[in-house]
Amino acid sequence: MPCPGGKLYACLKSSGRMGWLEGPDGRRWYTVRDAEKFAGAIADAGFMVDRVDPGFHAEAWATRKG
């Protein structure tokens, strides 16, 4: 059940290449998303976006709507 006022922090890759990355802990798929679209998806999920810092990794802080 959603918790009104709950906090969200999320970070994703917003530039570079998409694809598989081999790492010491296994293989991962990376998808690149535009920071504005990322913020829109967070808002669509029922959050009020407090702040988005674009860059190689876009970081977002948000609060769950009541």
PDB file of N, CA and C in Angstrom:
ATOM      1  N   MET A   1       0.846  -1.175   0.000  1.00  0.00           N
ATOM      2  CA  MET A   1       0.000   0.000   0.000  1.00  0.00           C
ATOM      3  C   MET A   1       0.895   1.242   0.000  1.00  0.00           C
ATOM      4  N   PRO A   2       0.558   2.253  -0.812  1.00  0.00           N
ATOM      5  CA  PRO A   2       1.352   3.483  -0.868  1.00  0.00           C
ATOM      6  C   PRO A   2       1.368   4.197   0.477  1.00  0.00           C
ATOM      7  N   CYS A   3       2.476   4.820   0.756  1.00  0.00           N
ATOM      8  CA  CYS A   3       2.656   5.572   1.994  1.00  0.00           C
ATOM      9  C   CYS A   3       2.749   7.055   1.650  1.00  0.00           C
ATOM     10  N   PRO A   4       1.651   7.829   1.830  1.00  0.00           N
ATOM     11  CA  PRO A   4       1.719   9.258   1.533  1.00  0.00           C
ATOM     12  C   PRO A   4       2.861   9.908   2.304  1.00  0.00           C
ATOM     13  N   GLY A   5       3.601  10.766   1.626  1.00  0.00           N
ATOM     14  CA  GLY A   5       4.719  11.452   2.240  1.00  0.00           C
ATOM     15  C   GLY A   5       6.008  10.653   2.220  1.00  0.00           C
ATOM     16  N   GLY A   6       5.939   9.394   1.746  1.00  0.00           N
ATOM     17  CA  GLY A   6       7.142   8.572   1.646  1.00  0.00           C
ATOM     18  C   GLY A   6       8.134   9.176   0.665  1.00  0.00           C
ATOM     19  N   LYS A   7       9.398   8.933   0.886  1.00  0.00           N
ATOM     20  CA  LYS A   7      10.460   9.515   0.072  1.00  0.00           C
ATOM     21  C   LYS A   7      11.021   8.495  -0.916  1.00  0.00           C
ATOM     22  N   LEU A   8      11.453   8.997  -2.068  1.00  0.00           N
ATOM     23  CA  LEU A   8      12.059   8.171  -3.112  1.00  0.00           C
ATOM     24  C   LEU A   8      13.357   8.823  -3.566  1.00  0.00           C
ATOM     25  N   TYR A   9      14.379   8.011  -3.691  1.00  0.00           N
ATOM     26  CA  TYR A   9      15.605   8.431  -4.360  1.00  0.00           C
ATOM     27  C   TYR A   9      15.859   7.393  -5.430  1.00  0.00           C
ATOM     28  N   ALA A  10      16.122   7.855  -6.651  1.00  0.00           N
ATOM     29  CA  ALA A  10      16.427   6.937  -7.748  1.00  0.00           C
ATOM     30  C   ALA A  10      17.504   7.557  -8.629  1.00  0.00           C
ATOM     31  N   CYS A  11      18.329   6.700  -9.192  1.00  0.00           N
ATOM     32  CA  CYS A  11      19.435   7.137 -10.035  1.00  0.00           C
ATOM     33  C   CYS A  11      19.506   6.211 -11.235  1.00  0.00           C
ATOM     34  N   LEU A  12      19.705   6.776 -12.408  1.00  0.00           N
ATOM     35  CA  LEU A  12      19.885   5.955 -13.591  1.00  0.00           C
ATOM     36  C   LEU A  12      20.814   6.619 -14.582  1.00  0.00           C
ATOM     37  N   LYS A  13      21.287   5.822 -15.490  1.00  0.00           N
ATOM     38  CA  LYS A  13      22.214   6.286 -16.519  1.00  0.00           C
ATOM     39  C   LYS A  13      21.434   7.130 -17.530  1.00  0.00           C
ATOM     40  N   SER A  14      21.909   8.360 -17.786  1.00  0.00           N
ATOM     41  CA  SER A  14      21.178   9.238 -18.702  1.00  0.00           C
ATOM     42  C   SER A  14      22.011   9.653 -19.912  1.00  0.00           C
ATOM     43  N   SER A  15      23.192   9.072 -20.047  1.00  0.00           N
ATOM     44  CA  SER A  15      23.984   9.293 -21.255  1.00  0.00           C
ATOM     45  C   SER A  15      24.901   8.090 -21.432  1.00  0.00           C
ATOM     46  N   GLY A  16      25.425   7.963 -22.599  1.00  0.00           N
ATOM     47  CA  GLY A  16      26.271   6.810 -22.891  1.00  0.00           C
ATOM     48  C   GLY A  16      25.531   5.776 -23.724  1.00  0.00           C
ATOM     49  N   ARG A  17      26.037   4.562 -23.686  1.00  0.00           N
ATOM     50  CA  ARG A  17      25.465   3.500 -24.509  1.00  0.00           C
ATOM     51  C   ARG A  17      24.527   2.601 -23.709  1.00  0.00           C
ATOM     52  N   MET A  18      23.535   2.064 -24.426  1.00  0.00           N
ATOM     53  CA  MET A  18      22.686   1.038 -23.853  1.00  0.00           C
ATOM     54  C   MET A  18      23.319  -0.316 -24.166  1.00  0.00           C
ATOM     55  N   GLY A  19      23.041  -1.282 -23.338  1.00  0.00           N
ATOM     56  CA  GLY A  19      23.494  -2.624 -23.636  1.00  0.00           C
ATOM     57  C   GLY A  19      23.972  -3.374 -22.415  1.00  0.00           C
ATOM     58  N   TRP A  20      24.549  -4.537 -22.670  1.00  0.00           N
ATOM     59  CA  TRP A  20      25.045  -5.401 -21.600  1.00  0.00           C
ATOM     60  C   TRP A  20      26.391  -4.916 -21.091  1.00  0.00           C
ATOM     61  N   LEU A  21      26.573  -5.026 -19.797  1.00  0.00           N
ATOM     62  CA  LEU A  21      27.838  -4.709 -19.170  1.00  0.00           C
ATOM     63  C   LEU A  21      28.245  -5.907 -18.326  1.00  0.00           C
ATOM     64  N   GLU A  22      29.434  -6.393 -18.586  1.00  0.00           N
ATOM     65  CA  GLU A  22      29.976  -7.495 -17.785  1.00  0.00           C
ATOM     66  C   GLU A  22      30.662  -6.908 -16.568  1.00  0.00           C
ATOM     67  N   GLY A  23      30.335  -7.410 -15.409  1.00  0.00           N
ATOM     68  CA  GLY A  23      30.952  -6.931 -14.183  1.00  0.00           C
ATOM     69  C   GLY A  23      31.365  -8.087 -13.308  1.00  0.00           C
ATOM     70  N   PRO A  24      32.062  -7.798 -12.224  1.00  0.00           N
ATOM     71  CA  PRO A  24      32.517  -8.868 -11.341  1.00  0.00           C
ATOM     72  C   PRO A  24      31.369  -9.628 -10.676  1.00  0.00           C
ATOM     73  N   ASP A  25      30.196  -8.976 -10.589  1.00  0.00           N
ATOM     74  CA  ASP A  25      29.044  -9.616  -9.962  1.00  0.00           C
ATOM     75  C   ASP A  25      28.015 -10.110 -10.973  1.00  0.00           C
ATOM     76  N   GLY A  26      28.400 -10.165 -12.227  1.00  0.00           N
ATOM     77  CA  GLY A  26      27.497 -10.694 -13.249  1.00  0.00           C
ATOM     78  C   GLY A  26      27.268  -9.738 -14.397  1.00  0.00           C
ATOM     79  N   ARG A  27      26.375 -10.129 -15.243  1.00  0.00           N
ATOM     80  CA  ARG A  27      26.036  -9.383 -16.451  1.00  0.00           C
ATOM     81  C   ARG A  27      24.771  -8.576 -16.200  1.00  0.00           C
ATOM     82  N   ARG A  28      24.782  -7.295 -16.591  1.00  0.00           N
ATOM     83  CA  ARG A  28      23.619  -6.417 -16.395  1.00  0.00           C
ATOM     84  C   ARG A  28      23.274  -5.701 -17.691  1.00  0.00           C
ATOM     85  N   TRP A  29      21.998  -5.454 -17.866  1.00  0.00           N
ATOM     86  CA  TRP A  29      21.518  -4.673 -19.007  1.00  0.00           C
ATOM     87  C   TRP A  29      21.341  -3.232 -18.551  1.00  0.00           C
ATOM     88  N   TYR A  30      21.921  -2.296 -19.295  1.00  0.00           N
ATOM     89  CA  TYR A  30      21.776  -0.872 -18.995  1.00  0.00           C
ATOM     90  C   TYR A  30      20.928  -0.215 -20.072  1.00  0.00           C
ATOM     91  N   THR A  31      19.964   0.557 -19.626  1.00  0.00           N
ATOM     92  CA  THR A  31      19.113   1.341 -20.518  1.00  0.00           C
ATOM     93  C   THR A  31      19.344   2.806 -20.190  1.00  0.00           C
ATOM     94  N   VAL A  32      19.531   3.609 -21.207  1.00  0.00           N
ATOM     95  CA  VAL A  32      19.766   5.045 -21.024  1.00  0.00           C
ATOM     96  C   VAL A  32      18.429   5.770 -21.160  1.00  0.00           C
ATOM     97  N   ARG A  33      18.123   6.634 -20.215  1.00  0.00           N
ATOM     98  CA  ARG A  33      16.892   7.424 -20.227  1.00  0.00           C
ATOM     99  C   ARG A  33      17.218   8.904 -20.089  1.00  0.00           C
ATOM    100  N   ASP A  34      16.472   9.718 -20.775  1.00  0.00           N
ATOM    101  CA  ASP A  34      16.562  11.168 -20.654  1.00  0.00           C
ATOM    102  C   ASP A  34      16.075  11.581 -19.262  1.00  0.00           C
ATOM    103  N   ALA A  35      16.752  12.534 -18.627  1.00  0.00           N
ATOM    104  CA  ALA A  35      16.410  12.960 -17.264  1.00  0.00           C
ATOM    105  C   ALA A  35      14.975  13.483 -17.162  1.00  0.00           C
ATOM    106  N   GLU A  36      14.496  14.202 -18.168  1.00  0.00           N
ATOM    107  CA  GLU A  36      13.128  14.727 -18.133  1.00  0.00           C
ATOM    108  C   GLU A  36      12.103  13.605 -18.228  1.00  0.00           C
ATOM    109  N   LYS A  37      12.357  12.622 -19.078  1.00  0.00           N
ATOM    110  CA  LYS A  37      11.437  11.477 -19.188  1.00  0.00           C
ATOM    111  C   LYS A  37      11.454  10.656 -17.905  1.00  0.00           C
ATOM    112  N   PHE A  38      12.622  10.544 -17.292  1.00  0.00           N
ATOM    113  CA  PHE A  38      12.766   9.854 -16.019  1.00  0.00           C
ATOM    114  C   PHE A  38      11.887  10.529 -14.969  1.00  0.00           C
ATOM    115  N   ALA A  39      11.951  11.853 -14.882  1.00  0.00           N
ATOM    116  CA  ALA A  39      11.132  12.607 -13.925  1.00  0.00           C
ATOM    117  C   ALA A  39       9.646  12.424 -14.227  1.00  0.00           C
ATOM    118  N   GLY A  40       9.289  12.388 -15.501  1.00  0.00           N
ATOM    119  CA  GLY A  40       7.890  12.174 -15.887  1.00  0.00           C
ATOM    120  C   GLY A  40       7.378  10.814 -15.454  1.00  0.00           C
ATOM    121  N   ALA A  41       8.208   9.791 -15.577  1.00  0.00           N
ATOM    122  CA  ALA A  41       7.811   8.440 -15.158  1.00  0.00           C
ATOM    123  C   ALA A  41       7.608   8.381 -13.645  1.00  0.00           C
ATOM    124  N   ILE A  42       8.449   9.090 -12.906  1.00  0.00           N
ATOM    125  CA  ILE A  42       8.300   9.134 -11.447  1.00  0.00           C
ATOM    126  C   ILE A  42       6.991   9.838 -11.079  1.00  0.00           C
ATOM    127  N   ALA A  43       6.690  10.942 -11.744  1.00  0.00           N
ATOM    128  CA  ALA A  43       5.439  11.666 -11.493  1.00  0.00           C
ATOM    129  C   ALA A  43       4.232  10.795 -11.859  1.00  0.00           C
ATOM    130  N   ASP A  44       4.317  10.073 -12.963  1.00  0.00           N
ATOM    131  CA  ASP A  44       3.227   9.183 -13.381  1.00  0.00           C
ATOM    132  C   ASP A  44       2.980   8.067 -12.373  1.00  0.00           C
ATOM    133  N   ALA A  45       4.005   7.718 -11.593  1.00  0.00           N
ATOM    134  CA  ALA A  45       3.881   6.664 -10.588  1.00  0.00           C
ATOM    135  C   ALA A  45       3.284   7.185  -9.276  1.00  0.00           C
ATOM    136  N   GLY A  46       2.912   8.464  -9.235  1.00  0.00           N
ATOM    137  CA  GLY A  46       2.243   9.004  -8.057  1.00  0.00           C
ATOM    138  C   GLY A  46       3.136   9.780  -7.101  1.00  0.00           C
ATOM    139  N   PHE A  47       4.270  10.238  -7.601  1.00  0.00           N
ATOM    140  CA  PHE A  47       5.187  11.014  -6.776  1.00  0.00           C
ATOM    141  C   PHE A  47       5.226  12.466  -7.233  1.00  0.00           C
ATOM    142  N   MET A  48       5.526  13.358  -6.301  1.00  0.00           N
ATOM    143  CA  MET A  48       5.821  14.742  -6.629  1.00  0.00           C
ATOM    144  C   MET A  48       7.353  14.819  -6.713  1.00  0.00           C
ATOM    145  N   VAL A  49       7.857  15.176  -7.874  1.00  0.00           N
ATOM    146  CA  VAL A  49       9.302  15.240  -8.067  1.00  0.00           C
ATOM    147  C   VAL A  49       9.833  16.497  -7.388  1.00  0.00           C
ATOM    148  N   ASP A  50      10.696  16.300  -6.404  1.00  0.00           N
ATOM    149  CA  ASP A  50      11.269  17.412  -5.652  1.00  0.00           C
ATOM    150  C   ASP A  50      12.485  17.995  -6.356  1.00  0.00           C
ATOM    151  N   ARG A  51      13.283  17.120  -6.947  1.00  0.00           N
ATOM    152  CA  ARG A  51      14.521  17.585  -7.584  1.00  0.00           C
ATOM    153  C   ARG A  51      15.051  16.511  -8.531  1.00  0.00           C
ATOM    154  N   VAL A  52      15.594  16.955  -9.652  1.00  0.00           N
ATOM    155  CA  VAL A  52      16.284  16.057 -10.592  1.00  0.00           C
ATOM    156  C   VAL A  52      17.609  16.708 -10.954  1.00  0.00           C
ATOM    157  N   ASP A  53      18.674  15.979 -10.760  1.00  0.00           N
ATOM    158  CA  ASP A  53      20.000  16.439 -11.157  1.00  0.00           C
ATOM    159  C   ASP A  53      20.415  15.660 -12.401  1.00  0.00           C
ATOM    160  N   PRO A  54      20.426  16.316 -13.569  1.00  0.00           N
ATOM    161  CA  PRO A  54      20.854  15.617 -14.778  1.00  0.00           C
ATOM    162  C   PRO A  54      22.376  15.463 -14.791  1.00  0.00           C
ATOM    163  N   GLY A  55      22.841  14.625 -15.628  1.00  0.00           N
ATOM    164  CA  GLY A  55      24.270  14.363 -15.760  1.00  0.00           C
ATOM    165  C   GLY A  55      24.447  12.986 -16.363  1.00  0.00           C
ATOM    166  N   PHE A  56      25.643  12.439 -16.275  1.00  0.00           N
ATOM    167  CA  PHE A  56      25.861  11.082 -16.797  1.00  0.00           C
ATOM    168  C   PHE A  56      24.899  10.115 -16.122  1.00  0.00           C
ATOM    169  N   HIS A  57      24.718  10.283 -14.802  1.00  0.00           N
ATOM    170  CA  HIS A  57      23.698   9.565 -14.049  1.00  0.00           C
ATOM    171  C   HIS A  57      22.692  10.596 -13.558  1.00  0.00           C
ATOM    172  N   ALA A  58      21.445  10.474 -13.984  1.00  0.00           N
ATOM    173  CA  ALA A  58      20.397  11.375 -13.500  1.00  0.00           C
ATOM    174  C   ALA A  58      19.954  10.890 -12.130  1.00  0.00           C
ATOM    175  N   GLU A  59      19.878  11.820 -11.175  1.00  0.00           N
ATOM    176  CA  GLU A  59      19.426  11.497  -9.835  1.00  0.00           C
ATOM    177  C   GLU A  59      18.122  12.230  -9.577  1.00  0.00           C
ATOM    178  N   ALA A  60      17.184  11.542  -8.927  1.00  0.00           N
ATOM    179  CA  ALA A  60      15.880  12.146  -8.649  1.00  0.00           C
ATOM    180  C   ALA A  60      15.496  11.913  -7.198  1.00  0.00           C
ATOM    181  N   TRP A  61      14.908  12.938  -6.599  1.00  0.00           N
ATOM    182  CA  TRP A  61      14.338  12.871  -5.257  1.00  0.00           C
ATOM    183  C   TRP A  61      12.867  13.218  -5.413  1.00  0.00           C
ATOM    184  N   ALA A  62      12.014  12.461  -4.740  1.00  0.00           N
ATOM    185  CA  ALA A  62      10.573  12.679  -4.872  1.00  0.00           C
ATOM    186  C   ALA A  62       9.858  12.309  -3.583  1.00  0.00           C
ATOM    187  N   THR A  63       8.611  12.799  -3.480  1.00  0.00           N
ATOM    188  CA  THR A  63       7.756  12.529  -2.318  1.00  0.00           C
ATOM    189  C   THR A  63       6.446  11.925  -2.817  1.00  0.00           C
ATOM    190  N   ARG A  64       6.002  10.855  -2.165  1.00  0.00           N
ATOM    191  CA  ARG A  64       4.744  10.196  -2.540  1.00  0.00           C
ATOM    192  C   ARG A  64       3.569  11.119  -2.267  1.00  0.00           C
ATOM    193  N   LYS A  65       2.711  11.283  -3.278  1.00  0.00           N
ATOM    194  CA  LYS A  65       1.512  12.116  -3.106  1.00  0.00           C
ATOM    195  C   LYS A  65       0.534  11.444  -2.156  1.00  0.00           C
ATOM    196  N   GLY A  66      -0.241  12.272  -1.470  1.00  0.00           N
ATOM    197  CA  GLY A  66      -1.207  11.764  -0.490  1.00  0.00           C
ATOM    198  C   GLY A  66      -2.432  11.292  -1.134  1.00  0.00           C
TER     199      GLY A  66
END
